């Protein structure tokens, strides 16, 4: 487990991306996914973006906020799952890609713990299938089943050659925007 604390500037930038995501969802009338409801949409998007920023910062990868590109991975080729409580497990859904790497990060307000990662296919096993809240079944993968986050560095370096080397380096097509 690794601890990451975002700077105030990183928090502001990621929070802005989270509000932009939710605003786009409202504009496009996109419903909450997997039965999440609408009571904490803003919080989920902001904390999700903060978590993505924390992973990008730790791995020294560029993070662009991924606005409007739902099929694109969160950070480079990686998927980030942010949970508010350090006791929570990594959640996977049947539609999640088997070959994607999913990272569990817990915490709030810019202070996080990165617990590890797992391939989708490794986490989508019957033994992890649960419905603890009723009506929102998913795969809940315990931290003890995750690979250490330190082992993802070599995998990331060898599988995402198109990712710029530093979180503040914009991509070549930075002028392209999904916003009208």
C-alpha atoms as a PDB file:
ATOM      1  CA  UNK A   1       0.000   0.000   0.000  1.00  0.00           C
ATOM      2  CA  UNK A   2       1.242   3.441  -0.967  1.00  0.00           C
ATOM      3  CA  UNK A   3       0.038   6.800   0.343  1.00  0.00           C
ATOM      4  CA  UNK A   4      -0.442   9.736  -2.035  1.00  0.00           C
ATOM      5  CA  UNK A   5      -1.320  13.283  -1.020  1.00  0.00           C
ATOM      6  CA  UNK A   6      -2.309  15.656  -3.803  1.00  0.00           C
ATOM      7  CA  UNK A   7      -1.208  19.275  -3.841  1.00  0.00           C
ATOM      8  CA  UNK A   8      -3.846  22.020  -3.686  1.00  0.00           C
ATOM      9  CA  UNK A   9      -3.254  22.695  -7.403  1.00  0.00           C
ATOM     10  CA  UNK A  10      -3.795  19.034  -8.290  1.00  0.00           C
ATOM     11  CA  UNK A  11      -6.963  18.962  -6.184  1.00  0.00           C
ATOM     12  CA  UNK A  12      -8.323  22.070  -7.919  1.00  0.00           C
ATOM     13  CA  UNK A  13      -7.566  20.748 -11.411  1.00  0.00           C
ATOM     14  CA  UNK A  14      -9.024  17.268 -10.758  1.00  0.00           C
ATOM     15  CA  UNK A  15     -12.104  18.683  -8.984  1.00  0.00           C
ATOM     16  CA  UNK A  16     -12.745  20.915 -11.983  1.00  0.00           C
ATOM     17  CA  UNK A  17     -12.638  17.846 -14.261  1.00  0.00           C
ATOM     18  CA  UNK A  18     -15.096  16.083 -11.946  1.00  0.00           C
ATOM     19  CA  UNK A  19     -17.565  18.964 -12.144  1.00  0.00           C
ATOM     20  CA  UNK A  20     -17.147  19.040 -15.924  1.00  0.00           C
ATOM     21  CA  UNK A  21     -17.936  15.300 -16.127  1.00  0.00           C
ATOM     22  CA  UNK A  22     -21.095  15.699 -14.075  1.00  0.00           C
ATOM     23  CA  UNK A  23     -22.145  18.778 -16.045  1.00  0.00           C
ATOM     24  CA  UNK A  24     -21.713  16.815 -19.291  1.00  0.00           C
ATOM     25  CA  UNK A  25     -23.809  13.971 -17.841  1.00  0.00           C
ATOM     26  CA  UNK A  26     -26.576  16.430 -16.953  1.00  0.00           C
ATOM     27  CA  UNK A  27     -26.419  18.038 -20.393  1.00  0.00           C
ATOM     28  CA  UNK A  28     -26.549  14.631 -22.114  1.00  0.00           C
ATOM     29  CA  UNK A  29     -29.113  13.220 -19.654  1.00  0.00           C
ATOM     30  CA  UNK A  30     -26.764  10.319 -18.918  1.00  0.00           C
ATOM     31  CA  UNK A  31     -28.106   8.225 -16.022  1.00  0.00           C
ATOM     32  CA  UNK A  32     -25.957   7.065 -13.118  1.00  0.00           C
ATOM     33  CA  UNK A  33     -24.345   3.704 -13.782  1.00  0.00           C
ATOM     34  CA  UNK A  34     -24.842   0.432 -11.940  1.00  0.00           C
ATOM     35  CA  UNK A  35     -27.733   1.755  -9.847  1.00  0.00           C
ATOM     36  CA  UNK A  36     -25.682   4.428  -8.097  1.00  0.00           C
ATOM     37  CA  UNK A  37     -28.596   6.878  -7.974  1.00  0.00           C
ATOM     38  CA  UNK A  38     -28.240  10.654  -8.039  1.00  0.00           C
ATOM     39  CA  UNK A  39     -27.720  11.594  -4.395  1.00  0.00           C
ATOM     40  CA  UNK A  40     -23.942  11.947  -4.665  1.00  0.00           C
ATOM     41  CA  UNK A  41     -23.197  12.310  -8.393  1.00  0.00           C
ATOM     42  CA  UNK A  42     -21.016  15.373  -7.896  1.00  0.00           C
ATOM     43  CA  UNK A  43     -19.006  13.760  -5.097  1.00  0.00           C
ATOM     44  CA  UNK A  44     -18.483  10.542  -7.065  1.00  0.00           C
ATOM     45  CA  UNK A  45     -17.191  12.388 -10.131  1.00  0.00           C
ATOM     46  CA  UNK A  46     -14.938  14.725  -8.179  1.00  0.00           C
ATOM     47  CA  UNK A  47     -13.456  11.977  -5.990  1.00  0.00           C
ATOM     48  CA  UNK A  48     -13.094   9.742  -9.047  1.00  0.00           C
ATOM     49  CA  UNK A  49     -11.049  12.424 -10.785  1.00  0.00           C
ATOM     50  CA  UNK A  50      -8.998  13.069  -7.642  1.00  0.00           C
ATOM     51  CA  UNK A  51      -8.245   9.340  -7.488  1.00  0.00           C
ATOM     52  CA  UNK A  52      -7.194   9.273 -11.125  1.00  0.00           C
ATOM     53  CA  UNK A  53      -4.929  12.287 -10.542  1.00  0.00           C
ATOM     54  CA  UNK A  54      -3.366  10.522  -7.524  1.00  0.00           C
ATOM     55  CA  UNK A  55      -2.600   7.380  -9.546  1.00  0.00           C
ATOM     56  CA  UNK A  56      -1.189   9.436 -12.434  1.00  0.00           C
ATOM     57  CA  UNK A  57       0.948  11.426 -10.017  1.00  0.00           C
ATOM     58  CA  UNK A  58       2.290   8.315  -8.304  1.00  0.00           C
ATOM     59  CA  UNK A  59       3.072   6.545 -11.590  1.00  0.00           C
ATOM     60  CA  UNK A  60       4.347   9.750 -13.246  1.00  0.00           C
ATOM     61  CA  UNK A  61       1.834   9.421 -16.089  1.00  0.00           C
ATOM     62  CA  UNK A  62      -0.030  12.149 -17.928  1.00  0.00           C
ATOM     63  CA  UNK A  63      -3.711  12.545 -16.937  1.00  0.00           C
ATOM     64  CA  UNK A  64      -6.048  14.460 -19.249  1.00  0.00           C
ATOM     65  CA  UNK A  65      -9.326  14.174 -17.327  1.00  0.00           C
ATOM     66  CA  UNK A  66     -10.838  11.960 -20.020  1.00  0.00           C
ATOM     67  CA  UNK A  67     -13.849  14.175 -20.701  1.00  0.00           C
ATOM     68  CA  UNK A  68     -16.542  12.628 -22.870  1.00  0.00           C
ATOM     69  CA  UNK A  69     -14.513   9.588 -23.919  1.00  0.00           C
ATOM     70  CA  UNK A  70     -16.203   6.819 -21.957  1.00  0.00           C
ATOM     71  CA  UNK A  71     -14.440   3.983 -23.790  1.00  0.00           C
ATOM     72  CA  UNK A  72     -10.990   5.412 -22.956  1.00  0.00           C
ATOM     73  CA  UNK A  73      -9.074   4.202 -19.884  1.00  0.00           C
ATOM     74  CA  UNK A  74      -8.745   6.533 -16.883  1.00  0.00           C
ATOM     75  CA  UNK A  75      -4.945   6.943 -16.739  1.00  0.00           C
ATOM     76  CA  UNK A  76      -2.906   5.726 -19.710  1.00  0.00           C
ATOM     77  CA  UNK A  77      -4.092   2.132 -20.157  1.00  0.00           C
ATOM     78  CA  UNK A  78      -5.192   1.838 -16.506  1.00  0.00           C
ATOM     79  CA  UNK A  79      -8.629   1.896 -14.880  1.00  0.00           C
ATOM     80  CA  UNK A  80      -8.882   3.511 -11.448  1.00  0.00           C
ATOM     81  CA  UNK A  81     -11.499   2.625  -8.849  1.00  0.00           C
ATOM     82  CA  UNK A  82     -11.720   5.168  -6.044  1.00  0.00           C
ATOM     83  CA  UNK A  83     -13.526   4.323  -2.803  1.00  0.00           C
ATOM     84  CA  UNK A  84     -14.045   6.660   0.144  1.00  0.00           C
ATOM     85  CA  UNK A  85     -13.495   4.119   2.925  1.00  0.00           C
ATOM     86  CA  UNK A  86     -10.175   2.316   3.422  1.00  0.00           C
ATOM     87  CA  UNK A  87     -12.079  -0.883   4.291  1.00  0.00           C
ATOM     88  CA  UNK A  88     -13.762  -1.052   0.862  1.00  0.00           C
ATOM     89  CA  UNK A  89     -12.794  -3.555  -1.815  1.00  0.00           C
ATOM     90  CA  UNK A  90     -12.146  -3.081  -5.516  1.00  0.00           C
ATOM     91  CA  UNK A  91     -15.418  -3.283  -7.452  1.00  0.00           C
ATOM     92  CA  UNK A  92     -15.621  -4.812 -10.934  1.00  0.00           C
ATOM     93  CA  UNK A  93     -18.663  -5.211 -13.168  1.00  0.00           C
ATOM     94  CA  UNK A  94     -19.343  -7.889 -15.798  1.00  0.00           C
ATOM     95  CA  UNK A  95     -18.893  -5.322 -18.603  1.00  0.00           C
ATOM     96  CA  UNK A  96     -15.393  -4.338 -17.407  1.00  0.00           C
ATOM     97  CA  UNK A  97     -12.670  -5.370 -19.834  1.00  0.00           C
ATOM     98  CA  UNK A  98     -10.919  -8.609 -18.951  1.00  0.00           C
ATOM     99  CA  UNK A  99      -7.508  -7.404 -20.183  1.00  0.00           C
ATOM    100  CA  UNK A 100      -7.623  -4.028 -18.434  1.00  0.00           C
ATOM    101  CA  UNK A 101      -5.678  -3.359 -15.254  1.00  0.00           C
ATOM    102  CA  UNK A 102      -7.831  -2.029 -12.388  1.00  0.00           C
ATOM    103  CA  UNK A 103      -6.290  -0.113  -9.488  1.00  0.00           C
ATOM    104  CA  UNK A 104      -7.936   0.236  -6.071  1.00  0.00           C
ATOM    105  CA  UNK A 105      -7.427   3.567  -4.383  1.00  0.00           C
ATOM    106  CA  UNK A 106      -9.180   4.642  -1.172  1.00  0.00           C
ATOM    107  CA  UNK A 107      -9.530   7.971   0.605  1.00  0.00           C
ATOM    108  CA  UNK A 108     -11.070  11.410   0.183  1.00  0.00           C
ATOM    109  CA  UNK A 109     -10.188  15.050  -0.329  1.00  0.00           C
ATOM    110  CA  UNK A 110      -6.785  14.514  -1.919  1.00  0.00           C
ATOM    111  CA  UNK A 111      -5.355  12.032   0.599  1.00  0.00           C
ATOM    112  CA  UNK A 112      -5.317   8.452  -0.699  1.00  0.00           C
ATOM    113  CA  UNK A 113      -3.967   4.959  -0.292  1.00  0.00           C
ATOM    114  CA  UNK A 114      -3.205   2.935  -3.414  1.00  0.00           C
ATOM    115  CA  UNK A 115      -3.780  -0.704  -2.460  1.00  0.00           C
ATOM    116  CA  UNK A 116      -2.835  -2.557  -5.630  1.00  0.00           C
ATOM    117  CA  UNK A 117      -4.112  -3.695  -8.988  1.00  0.00           C
ATOM    118  CA  UNK A 118      -5.633  -6.665 -10.773  1.00  0.00           C
ATOM    119  CA  UNK A 119      -6.546  -7.647 -14.325  1.00  0.00           C
ATOM    120  CA  UNK A 120     -10.289  -7.643 -14.953  1.00  0.00           C
ATOM    121  CA  UNK A 121     -10.272 -11.369 -15.751  1.00  0.00           C
ATOM    122  CA  UNK A 122      -8.554 -12.136 -12.423  1.00  0.00           C
ATOM    123  CA  UNK A 123     -11.178 -10.246 -10.448  1.00  0.00           C
ATOM    124  CA  UNK A 124     -14.287 -11.412 -12.257  1.00  0.00           C
ATOM    125  CA  UNK A 125     -14.527 -14.743 -10.490  1.00  0.00           C
ATOM    126  CA  UNK A 126     -17.642 -16.274  -8.952  1.00  0.00           C
ATOM    127  CA  UNK A 127     -16.031 -16.221  -5.496  1.00  0.00           C
ATOM    128  CA  UNK A 128     -16.011 -12.384  -5.581  1.00  0.00           C
ATOM    129  CA  UNK A 129     -19.640 -11.945  -6.771  1.00  0.00           C
ATOM    130  CA  UNK A 130     -21.754 -10.205  -4.099  1.00  0.00           C
ATOM    131  CA  UNK A 131     -24.704  -7.878  -3.638  1.00  0.00           C
ATOM    132  CA  UNK A 132     -24.099  -6.258  -0.227  1.00  0.00           C
ATOM    133  CA  UNK A 133     -26.460  -3.295  -0.796  1.00  0.00           C
ATOM    134  CA  UNK A 134     -29.230  -5.201  -2.562  1.00  0.00           C
ATOM    135  CA  UNK A 135     -29.912  -4.445  -6.216  1.00  0.00           C
ATOM    136  CA  UNK A 136     -26.300  -3.543  -7.131  1.00  0.00           C
ATOM    137  CA  UNK A 137     -24.437  -6.843  -7.610  1.00  0.00           C
ATOM    138  CA  UNK A 138     -20.784  -6.761  -8.656  1.00  0.00           C
ATOM    139  CA  UNK A 139     -17.441  -8.453  -8.106  1.00  0.00           C
ATOM    140  CA  UNK A 140     -15.901  -7.260  -4.815  1.00  0.00           C
ATOM    141  CA  UNK A 141     -12.185  -8.093  -4.847  1.00  0.00           C
ATOM    142  CA  UNK A 142     -10.426  -7.960  -1.464  1.00  0.00           C
ATOM    143  CA  UNK A 143      -7.089  -6.194  -1.134  1.00  0.00           C
ATOM    144  CA  UNK A 144      -5.353  -9.482  -0.374  1.00  0.00           C
ATOM    145  CA  UNK A 145      -6.048 -10.567  -3.984  1.00  0.00           C
ATOM    146  CA  UNK A 146      -4.470  -7.474  -5.574  1.00  0.00           C
ATOM    147  CA  UNK A 147      -0.969  -7.306  -7.025  1.00  0.00           C
ATOM    148  CA  UNK A 148       1.316  -4.796  -5.274  1.00  0.00           C
ATOM    149  CA  UNK A 149       1.072  -1.402  -6.959  1.00  0.00           C
ATOM    150  CA  UNK A 150       4.871  -1.333  -7.328  1.00  0.00           C
ATOM    151  CA  UNK A 151       4.624  -4.210  -9.845  1.00  0.00           C
ATOM    152  CA  UNK A 152       2.471  -2.203 -12.247  1.00  0.00           C
ATOM    153  CA  UNK A 153       5.333   0.142 -13.149  1.00  0.00           C
ATOM    154  CA  UNK A 154       7.092  -2.366 -15.418  1.00  0.00           C
ATOM    155  CA  UNK A 155       3.779  -3.478 -16.917  1.00  0.00           C
ATOM    156  CA  UNK A 156       2.736   0.133 -17.578  1.00  0.00           C
ATOM    157  CA  UNK A 157       6.068   1.083 -19.108  1.00  0.00           C
ATOM    158  CA  UNK A 158       5.963  -1.888 -21.465  1.00  0.00           C
ATOM    159  CA  UNK A 159       2.271  -1.650 -22.443  1.00  0.00           C
ATOM    160  CA  UNK A 160       1.542   2.055 -22.859  1.00  0.00           C
ATOM    161  CA  UNK A 161       4.209   3.567 -25.122  1.00  0.00           C
ATOM    162  CA  UNK A 162       1.872   6.365 -26.277  1.00  0.00           C
ATOM    163  CA  UNK A 163       1.541   7.846 -22.790  1.00  0.00           C
ATOM    164  CA  UNK A 164       3.624  10.988 -22.266  1.00  0.00           C
ATOM    165  CA  UNK A 165       6.285  10.513 -19.590  1.00  0.00           C
ATOM    166  CA  UNK A 166       5.208  13.215 -17.129  1.00  0.00           C
ATOM    167  CA  UNK A 167       1.816  14.226 -15.657  1.00  0.00           C
ATOM    168  CA  UNK A 168       2.284  17.837 -16.722  1.00  0.00           C
ATOM    169  CA  UNK A 169       3.307  17.083 -20.300  1.00  0.00           C
ATOM    170  CA  UNK A 170       0.307  17.618 -22.607  1.00  0.00           C
ATOM    171  CA  UNK A 171      -0.324  15.151 -25.419  1.00  0.00           C
ATOM    172  CA  UNK A 172       0.442  16.126 -28.994  1.00  0.00           C
ATOM    173  CA  UNK A 173      -3.272  16.616 -29.732  1.00  0.00           C
ATOM    174  CA  UNK A 174      -3.962  18.792 -26.650  1.00  0.00           C
ATOM    175  CA  UNK A 175      -5.964  21.196 -28.790  1.00  0.00           C
ATOM    176  CA  UNK A 176      -8.564  18.491 -29.475  1.00  0.00           C
ATOM    177  CA  UNK A 177     -11.480  18.772 -27.096  1.00  0.00           C
ATOM    178  CA  UNK A 178     -14.624  16.660 -26.723  1.00  0.00           C
ATOM    179  CA  UNK A 179     -16.543  19.791 -25.676  1.00  0.00           C
ATOM    180  CA  UNK A 180     -18.523  21.724 -28.296  1.00  0.00           C
END
